[in-house]
Protein backbone atom coordinates (compact mmCIF):
# COMPACT_ATOMS: atom_id res chain seq x y z
CA UNK A 1 101.30 51.35 80.88
CA UNK A 2 102.34 51.63 84.54
CA UNK A 3 99.51 52.33 86.91
CA UNK A 4 100.23 55.20 89.24
CA UNK A 5 99.16 54.74 92.84
CA UNK A 6 96.16 56.73 93.89
CA UNK A 7 97.07 59.87 95.81
CA UNK A 8 96.69 59.63 99.52
CA UNK A 9 93.31 61.09 100.43
CA UNK A 10 92.75 63.60 103.13
CA UNK A 11 90.51 62.54 105.94
CA UNK A 12 87.69 64.87 106.82
CA UNK A 13 86.28 65.98 110.10
CA UNK A 14 82.64 67.08 110.25
CA UNK A 15 82.20 70.21 112.25
CA UNK A 16 78.67 71.31 113.14
CA UNK A 17 77.74 74.83 112.06
CA UNK A 18 74.58 76.88 112.00
CA UNK A 19 73.88 75.75 108.46
CA UNK A 20 74.55 72.07 109.12
CA UNK A 21 77.93 70.40 109.01
CA UNK A 22 81.15 71.53 107.35
CA UNK A 23 83.95 69.21 106.28
CA UNK A 24 87.39 70.16 107.64
CA UNK A 25 90.37 68.50 105.91
CA UNK A 26 92.86 66.72 108.14
CA UNK A 27 96.33 65.49 107.19
CA UNK A 28 96.76 61.72 106.84
CA UNK A 29 97.97 60.05 110.02
CA UNK A 30 101.46 59.21 108.72
CA UNK A 31 102.13 62.69 107.33
CA UNK A 32 100.77 64.33 110.46
CA UNK A 33 103.12 62.18 112.60
CA UNK A 34 106.13 63.06 110.44
CA UNK A 35 105.39 66.77 110.64
CA UNK A 36 104.93 66.56 114.41
CA UNK A 37 108.23 64.68 114.77
CA UNK A 38 110.06 67.20 112.58
CA UNK A 39 108.62 70.11 114.57
CA UNK A 40 109.61 68.40 117.82
CA UNK A 41 113.15 67.82 116.55
CA UNK A 42 113.54 71.46 115.49
CA UNK A 43 112.31 72.56 118.92
CA UNK A 44 114.77 70.20 120.65
CA UNK A 45 117.69 71.54 118.58
CA UNK A 46 116.68 75.10 119.47
CA UNK A 47 116.63 74.12 123.15
CA UNK A 48 120.11 72.57 122.80
CA UNK A 49 121.42 75.76 121.16
CA UNK A 50 119.88 77.89 123.92
CA UNK A 51 121.41 75.60 126.57
CA UNK A 52 124.88 75.89 125.01
CA UNK A 53 124.46 79.68 125.07
CA UNK A 54 123.51 79.57 128.76
CA UNK A 55 126.38 77.16 129.51
CA UNK A 56 128.97 79.50 128.01
CA UNK A 57 127.37 82.48 129.76
CA UNK A 58 127.39 80.67 133.12
CA UNK A 59 131.09 79.80 132.76
CA UNK A 60 131.73 83.49 132.06
CA UNK A 61 129.81 84.42 135.23
CA UNK A 62 131.84 81.91 137.28
CA UNK A 63 135.06 83.57 136.12
CA UNK A 64 133.76 87.04 137.00
CA UNK A 65 132.31 85.85 140.31
CA UNK A 66 135.51 84.14 141.37
CA UNK A 67 137.56 87.22 140.47
CA UNK A 68 135.22 89.36 142.55
CA UNK A 69 135.09 86.97 145.52
CA UNK A 70 138.77 86.02 145.62
CA UNK A 71 140.42 89.14 144.29
CA UNK A 72 144.17 88.59 144.47
CA UNK A 73 143.75 85.84 147.05
CA UNK A 74 142.76 83.00 144.69
CA UNK A 75 145.84 80.94 145.50
CA UNK A 76 145.46 81.29 149.27
CA UNK A 77 141.71 80.68 149.04
CA UNK A 78 142.37 77.27 147.48
CA UNK A 79 145.47 76.60 149.55
CA UNK A 80 143.76 73.55 151.04
CA UNK A 81 143.77 72.02 147.53
CA UNK A 82 147.42 72.82 146.84
CA UNK A 83 148.19 69.18 147.60
CA UNK A 84 147.64 67.45 144.23
CA UNK A 85 146.06 64.42 145.91
CA UNK A 86 143.47 66.65 147.54
CA UNK A 87 142.78 68.32 144.18
CA UNK A 88 142.35 64.89 142.61
CA UNK A 89 139.91 63.83 145.33
CA UNK A 90 137.91 67.06 144.91
CA UNK A 91 137.56 66.25 141.20
CA UNK A 92 136.38 62.69 141.97
CA UNK A 93 133.92 63.74 144.67
CA UNK A 94 132.51 66.70 142.72
CA UNK A 95 131.94 64.57 139.62
CA UNK A 96 130.45 61.67 141.54
CA UNK A 97 128.10 64.12 143.26
CA UNK A 98 127.03 65.92 140.07
CA UNK A 99 127.15 62.75 137.94
CA UNK A 100 128.81 64.81 135.21
CA UNK A 101 132.49 65.31 134.44
CA UNK A 102 131.37 68.01 131.98
CA UNK A 103 130.00 70.06 134.88
CA UNK A 104 133.20 69.69 136.91
CA UNK A 105 135.51 70.58 134.03
CA UNK A 106 133.33 73.49 132.85
CA UNK A 107 133.25 74.98 136.35
CA UNK A 108 137.02 74.47 136.64
CA UNK A 109 137.59 76.27 133.32
CA UNK A 110 135.60 79.23 134.67
CA UNK A 111 137.53 79.23 137.95
CA UNK A 112 140.87 79.16 136.10
CA UNK A 113 139.83 82.18 134.06
CA UNK A 114 138.92 83.87 137.35
CA UNK A 115 142.33 83.26 138.90
CA UNK A 116 142.47 79.63 140.11
CA UNK A 117 146.07 78.43 139.56
CA UNK A 118 146.48 75.75 136.91
CA UNK A 119 148.59 73.72 139.33
CA UNK A 120 145.43 73.25 141.43
CA UNK A 121 143.04 72.91 138.48
CA UNK A 122 144.92 70.11 136.69
CA UNK A 123 144.48 67.47 139.46
CA UNK A 124 140.79 68.42 139.75
CA UNK A 125 140.35 67.80 136.01
CA UNK A 126 142.13 64.44 136.29
CA UNK A 127 139.87 63.52 139.21
CA UNK A 128 136.81 64.34 137.10
CA UNK A 129 137.86 61.59 134.70
CA UNK A 130 137.71 59.04 137.51
CA UNK A 131 134.46 60.34 138.99
CA UNK A 132 132.60 60.11 135.68
CA UNK A 133 132.89 56.31 135.65
CA UNK A 134 130.49 55.99 138.60
CA UNK A 135 127.35 56.12 136.43
CA UNK A 136 128.03 53.04 134.31
CA UNK A 137 129.19 51.14 137.40
CA UNK A 138 125.81 51.87 139.01
CA UNK A 139 124.05 50.74 135.81
CA UNK A 140 125.79 47.38 136.04
CA UNK A 141 124.44 46.85 139.59
CA UNK A 142 121.00 46.41 138.04
CA UNK A 143 122.17 43.02 136.74
CA UNK A 144 123.12 41.67 140.14
CA UNK A 145 120.36 38.99 140.19
CA UNK A 146 121.98 37.09 137.30
CA UNK A 147 125.51 36.12 138.34
CA UNK A 148 126.93 35.53 134.85
CA UNK A 149 125.30 38.63 133.39
CA UNK A 150 126.42 40.75 136.34
CA UNK A 151 130.01 39.52 136.05
CA UNK A 152 130.16 40.54 132.37
CA UNK A 153 128.34 43.86 132.90
CA UNK A 154 130.36 44.85 135.97
CA UNK A 155 133.59 44.07 134.10
CA UNK A 156 132.52 46.32 131.19
CA UNK A 157 131.73 49.12 133.66
CA UNK A 158 134.87 48.86 135.77
CA UNK A 159 137.31 48.56 132.86
CA UNK A 160 136.66 52.30 132.51
CA UNK A 161 137.47 52.74 136.22
CA UNK A 162 140.73 50.83 135.98
CA UNK A 163 141.83 52.64 132.82
CA UNK A 164 141.29 56.08 134.37
CA UNK A 165 142.94 55.05 137.64
CA UNK A 166 145.97 53.78 135.72
CA UNK A 167 146.09 56.93 133.58
CA UNK A 168 146.09 59.10 136.71
CA UNK A 169 148.76 56.90 138.31
CA UNK A 170 150.97 57.56 135.27
CA UNK A 171 150.30 61.22 134.50
CA UNK A 172 149.73 62.80 137.92
CA UNK A 173 153.32 62.08 139.07
CA UNK A 174 154.59 63.41 135.70
CA UNK A 175 152.49 66.52 136.19
CA UNK A 176 153.77 67.04 139.73
CA UNK A 177 157.40 66.53 138.70
CA UNK A 178 157.50 68.25 135.31
CA UNK A 179 154.17 70.01 134.72
CA UNK A 180 153.82 67.86 131.60
CA UNK A 181 150.14 68.40 130.79
CA UNK A 182 150.19 72.08 131.76
CA UNK A 183 153.22 72.72 129.53
CA UNK A 184 151.74 70.97 126.49
CA UNK A 185 148.34 72.61 126.99
CA UNK A 186 149.85 76.09 127.52
CA UNK A 187 151.94 75.84 124.36
CA UNK A 188 148.94 74.65 122.35
CA UNK A 189 146.61 77.30 123.76
CA UNK A 190 149.13 80.04 122.93
CA UNK A 191 149.44 78.74 119.38
CA UNK A 192 145.66 78.55 118.96
CA UNK A 193 144.74 81.88 120.49
CA UNK A 194 147.91 83.99 120.41
CA UNK A 195 148.48 86.92 118.09
CA UNK A 196 151.33 85.16 116.26
CA UNK A 197 149.59 81.85 115.65
CA UNK A 198 148.64 82.52 112.04
CA UNK A 199 145.29 81.70 110.47
CA UNK A 200 144.28 79.14 113.13
CA UNK A 201 144.84 81.60 115.96
CA UNK A 202 142.96 84.25 113.99
CA UNK A 203 139.96 81.91 113.58
CA UNK A 204 139.97 80.85 117.23
CA UNK A 205 140.50 84.40 118.44
CA UNK A 206 137.73 85.75 116.21
CA UNK A 207 135.33 82.99 117.28
CA UNK A 208 136.13 83.66 120.93
CA UNK A 209 135.46 87.37 120.48
CA UNK A 210 132.11 86.71 118.77
CA UNK A 211 130.98 84.21 121.42
CA UNK A 212 132.13 86.52 124.23
CA UNK A 213 130.21 89.42 122.69
CA UNK A 214 127.06 87.34 122.24
CA UNK A 215 127.03 86.01 125.80
CA UNK A 216 128.05 89.23 127.57
CA UNK A 217 124.52 90.75 127.77
CA UNK A 218 123.09 87.77 129.68
CA UNK A 219 126.22 87.57 131.86
CA UNK A 220 125.84 91.27 132.70
CA UNK A 221 122.16 90.77 133.49
CA UNK A 222 123.00 87.97 135.96
CA UNK A 223 125.78 90.07 137.51
CA UNK A 224 123.49 93.12 137.79
CA UNK A 225 120.71 91.09 139.40
CA UNK A 226 123.11 90.07 142.20
CA UNK A 227 124.94 93.38 142.56
CA UNK A 228 122.77 94.40 145.54
CA UNK A 229 124.69 91.90 147.68
CA UNK A 230 127.64 93.37 149.61
CA UNK A 231 131.26 92.82 148.60
CA UNK A 232 132.46 89.29 148.09
CA UNK A 233 128.97 87.87 148.67
CA UNK A 234 127.94 89.08 145.24
CA UNK A 235 130.82 87.08 143.77
CA UNK A 236 129.89 84.00 145.81
CA UNK A 237 126.27 84.31 144.69
CA UNK A 238 127.39 84.61 141.05
CA UNK A 239 129.37 81.38 141.38
CA UNK A 240 126.46 79.52 143.03
CA UNK A 241 123.93 80.70 140.45
CA UNK A 242 126.27 79.89 137.57
CA UNK A 243 127.01 76.38 138.86
CA UNK A 244 123.26 75.76 139.25
CA UNK A 245 122.74 76.92 135.65
CA UNK A 246 125.54 74.67 134.39
CA UNK A 247 124.11 71.65 136.20
CA UNK A 248 120.65 72.36 134.79
CA UNK A 249 121.65 73.02 131.18
CA UNK A 250 124.12 70.13 130.91
CA UNK A 251 121.43 67.80 132.19
CA UNK A 252 118.93 69.26 129.72
CA UNK A 253 121.41 69.12 126.82
CA UNK A 254 122.05 65.47 127.60
CA UNK A 255 118.34 64.62 127.68
CA UNK A 256 117.53 66.46 124.46
CA UNK A 257 120.50 65.05 122.56
CA UNK A 258 119.69 61.54 123.75
CA UNK A 259 116.16 62.00 122.44
CA UNK A 260 117.49 63.28 119.12
CA UNK A 261 120.54 61.11 118.57
CA UNK A 262 120.67 58.06 120.85
CA UNK A 263 119.29 55.81 118.09
CA UNK A 264 121.90 57.14 115.69
CA UNK A 265 124.55 56.79 118.40
CA UNK A 266 123.60 53.14 118.88
CA UNK A 267 123.98 52.59 115.12
CA UNK A 268 127.42 54.22 115.17
CA UNK A 269 128.45 51.92 118.00
CA UNK A 270 127.10 48.81 116.25
CA UNK A 271 128.66 49.71 112.89
CA UNK A 272 132.11 50.02 114.46
CA UNK A 273 132.12 46.50 115.87
CA UNK A 274 134.81 44.35 114.31
CA UNK A 275 136.47 47.24 112.47
CA UNK A 276 139.49 47.51 114.74
CA UNK A 277 140.40 49.46 117.87
CA UNK A 278 141.07 52.79 116.14
CA UNK A 279 137.57 52.78 114.64
CA UNK A 280 136.10 51.79 118.00
CA UNK A 281 137.93 54.60 119.82
CA UNK A 282 136.82 57.08 117.17
CA UNK A 283 133.24 55.83 117.38
CA UNK A 284 133.24 56.14 121.17
CA UNK A 285 134.40 59.74 120.83
CA UNK A 286 131.79 60.53 118.16
CA UNK A 287 128.94 58.97 120.15
CA UNK A 288 129.95 60.94 123.26
CA UNK A 289 130.10 64.21 121.34
CA UNK A 290 126.65 63.39 119.88
CA UNK A 291 124.99 62.74 123.24
CA UNK A 292 127.27 65.04 125.30
CA UNK A 293 127.80 62.42 127.98
CA UNK A 294 130.52 59.83 128.39
CA UNK A 295 128.29 58.21 131.02
CA UNK A 296 125.62 57.62 128.36
CA UNK A 297 128.16 56.09 125.97
CA UNK A 298 129.55 53.71 128.55
CA UNK A 299 126.06 52.94 129.88
CA UNK A 300 125.15 51.79 126.35
CA UNK A 301 128.02 49.31 126.57
CA UNK A 302 127.03 47.67 129.85
CA UNK A 303 123.84 45.86 128.65
CA UNK A 304 125.67 44.70 125.51
CA UNK A 305 128.38 43.18 127.68
CA UNK A 306 125.94 41.74 130.20
CA UNK A 307 123.95 39.94 127.50
CA UNK A 308 127.13 38.48 126.05
CA UNK A 309 126.50 40.16 122.68
CA UNK A 310 129.94 41.79 122.82
CA UNK A 311 133.08 40.85 124.70
CA UNK A 312 134.91 43.05 127.19
CA UNK A 313 137.86 43.33 124.80
CA UNK A 314 135.57 44.56 122.01
CA UNK A 315 133.95 47.22 124.19
CA UNK A 316 137.12 48.41 125.91
CA UNK A 317 138.14 50.87 123.10
CA UNK A 318 134.69 52.48 123.16
CA UNK A 319 135.26 53.55 126.77
CA UNK A 320 138.56 55.17 125.77
CA UNK A 321 136.84 57.03 122.95
CA UNK A 322 134.18 58.22 125.39
CA UNK A 323 136.95 59.71 127.54
CA UNK A 324 138.19 61.73 124.58
CA UNK A 325 134.73 62.78 123.38
CA UNK A 326 133.66 64.17 126.74
CA UNK A 327 136.37 66.85 126.58
CA UNK A 328 134.33 68.80 124.01
CA UNK A 329 132.21 70.47 126.73
CA UNK A 330 135.18 72.11 128.45
CA UNK A 331 136.52 73.27 125.08
CA UNK A 332 133.17 74.90 124.31
CA UNK A 333 133.12 76.46 127.78
CA UNK A 334 136.52 78.05 127.14
CA UNK A 335 134.93 80.25 124.48
CA UNK A 336 133.22 82.17 127.28
CA UNK A 337 136.42 84.23 127.46
CA UNK A 338 138.65 86.09 125.05
CA UNK A 339 142.08 87.68 125.18
CA UNK A 340 144.45 86.57 127.93
CA UNK A 341 141.65 85.01 130.00
CA UNK A 342 140.55 83.07 126.92
CA UNK A 343 144.04 81.63 126.52
CA UNK A 344 144.14 80.58 130.19
CA UNK A 345 140.66 79.02 129.99
CA UNK A 346 141.59 77.18 126.78
CA UNK A 347 144.72 75.87 128.51
CA UNK A 348 142.60 74.28 131.26
CA UNK A 349 140.27 72.72 128.69
CA UNK A 350 143.19 71.36 126.65
CA UNK A 351 144.64 69.73 129.77
CA UNK A 352 141.54 67.53 129.82
CA UNK A 353 141.89 66.72 126.11
CA UNK A 354 145.61 65.93 126.22
CA UNK A 355 145.28 63.83 129.35
CA UNK A 356 142.76 61.56 127.65
CA UNK A 357 144.52 61.44 124.29
CA UNK A 358 147.94 60.74 125.80
CA UNK A 359 146.46 58.26 128.28
CA UNK A 360 144.87 56.32 125.43
CA UNK A 361 148.08 56.44 123.38
CA UNK A 362 150.27 55.22 126.25
CA UNK A 363 148.03 52.63 127.89
CA UNK A 364 146.26 51.23 124.84
CA UNK A 365 149.19 51.82 122.50
CA UNK A 366 151.70 49.81 124.55
CA UNK A 367 150.72 46.11 124.48
CA UNK A 368 152.05 45.32 127.96
CA UNK A 369 149.97 48.19 129.40
CA UNK A 370 146.84 47.50 127.36
CA UNK A 371 145.69 44.46 129.28
CA UNK A 372 146.10 45.91 132.79
CA UNK A 373 142.61 47.51 132.92
CA UNK A 374 141.11 44.36 131.35
CA UNK A 375 142.69 42.08 133.94
CA UNK A 376 141.74 44.41 136.78
CA UNK A 377 138.10 44.56 135.64
CA UNK A 378 137.89 40.78 135.15
CA UNK A 379 139.41 40.13 138.59
CA UNK A 380 137.10 42.59 140.36
CA UNK A 381 133.97 41.42 138.50
CA UNK A 382 134.76 37.82 139.43
CA UNK A 383 134.89 38.78 143.11
CA UNK A 384 131.76 40.92 142.87
CA UNK A 385 129.78 38.16 141.14
CA UNK A 386 130.51 35.82 144.05
CA UNK A 387 130.17 38.43 146.79
CA UNK A 388 127.84 41.34 146.00
CA UNK A 389 129.12 43.49 148.93
CA UNK A 390 132.44 43.73 147.05
CA UNK A 391 130.69 45.73 144.31
CA UNK A 392 129.07 48.05 146.86
CA UNK A 393 132.39 48.48 148.69
CA UNK A 394 134.08 49.40 145.39
CA UNK A 395 131.46 52.02 144.53
CA UNK A 396 131.29 53.59 148.00
CA UNK A 397 135.01 53.29 148.67
CA UNK A 398 136.45 54.64 145.41
CA UNK A 399 133.88 57.34 144.70
CA UNK A 400 132.73 58.47 148.16
CA UNK A 401 134.62 57.32 151.26
CA UNK A 402 138.22 57.54 149.99
CA UNK A 403 137.88 60.99 148.35
CA UNK A 404 136.12 62.52 151.37
CA UNK A 405 138.56 60.95 153.83
CA UNK A 406 141.63 62.21 151.97
CA UNK A 407 140.16 65.70 151.49
CA UNK A 408 139.67 66.07 155.26
CA UNK A 409 142.85 64.27 156.34
CA UNK A 410 145.45 65.78 154.00
């Protein structure tokens, strides 16, 4: 006969009372820890849900604030950014400053819904893709004491830089000449949210209406709290408050999701190794959606490269997947609006998605193009390993000095 294990006994605490001592049962240590962890996880998920709600509300407030502040003068207000190069530099500088492409693209989606022309918004979104690579490049600088490790880590970080720079070099001229991304995104947004788009449009439209209805009370509360300001200053204040909220909640979402899922994300990354580039790209996208930060995904890669555990060629597709995964935030932000404004906001969000998907298809899909970012990263990391100031010049030049100089000069 099998002997059943003895049931786990409850520990007791003796609590003094008037009559003597009373025994108070206490859960076993392991069970108590599991319950505490589960409670903490539930609380973190609730915080994430609340942050997403605030994010969508804040994007809504940005749209309303910009409409109020700019009125019919949105185009002239941003006339200084009509030059696509300036728009690109604004995207780079804003993302480098906020350390979050999700913040830049979410704010841009709100501004588009409020009247910012798509022709100005598209270069800003493309610039956000370049600016987001700063974080993992900074992570690699922590390896500078070990020349070999730094060379590998800096290469893994800057392959993301070179890919995004090449993608912009290809698609920005196409956008200027033909409006390629805007046309594709507009057609897709109309199909997804238009009245004649069938069941998919009905689902998207219905979801947009529900989300808009749910977030309107908080948006109205924020608007009302600032309505005492005169004229356009109320609109400006709405934009400032909303951007501050977006920065705060995106940072909080990232921290909570990292606490909840970073271990799982690491397992996804490890399980995809050796399964081919498509799996690696997909895994990079999944990990980024899980942790809501392409910077986190690519920062996970840098130590693996620096230690020599994985080669640059193996990690390269993960960075491309991270580019695609990070577009989810702007798509969520687009649900802050419905109707015609919802279609316009969705168009801006889809520009980000299509840019990254098409960039991956063209650059990684064409063999002669595929190795350009790899060779650029290897060349630059070789220089930086021998001369550390090269790395600092790259970081300050590409992400700070060049964008600011071009914004003021053009």
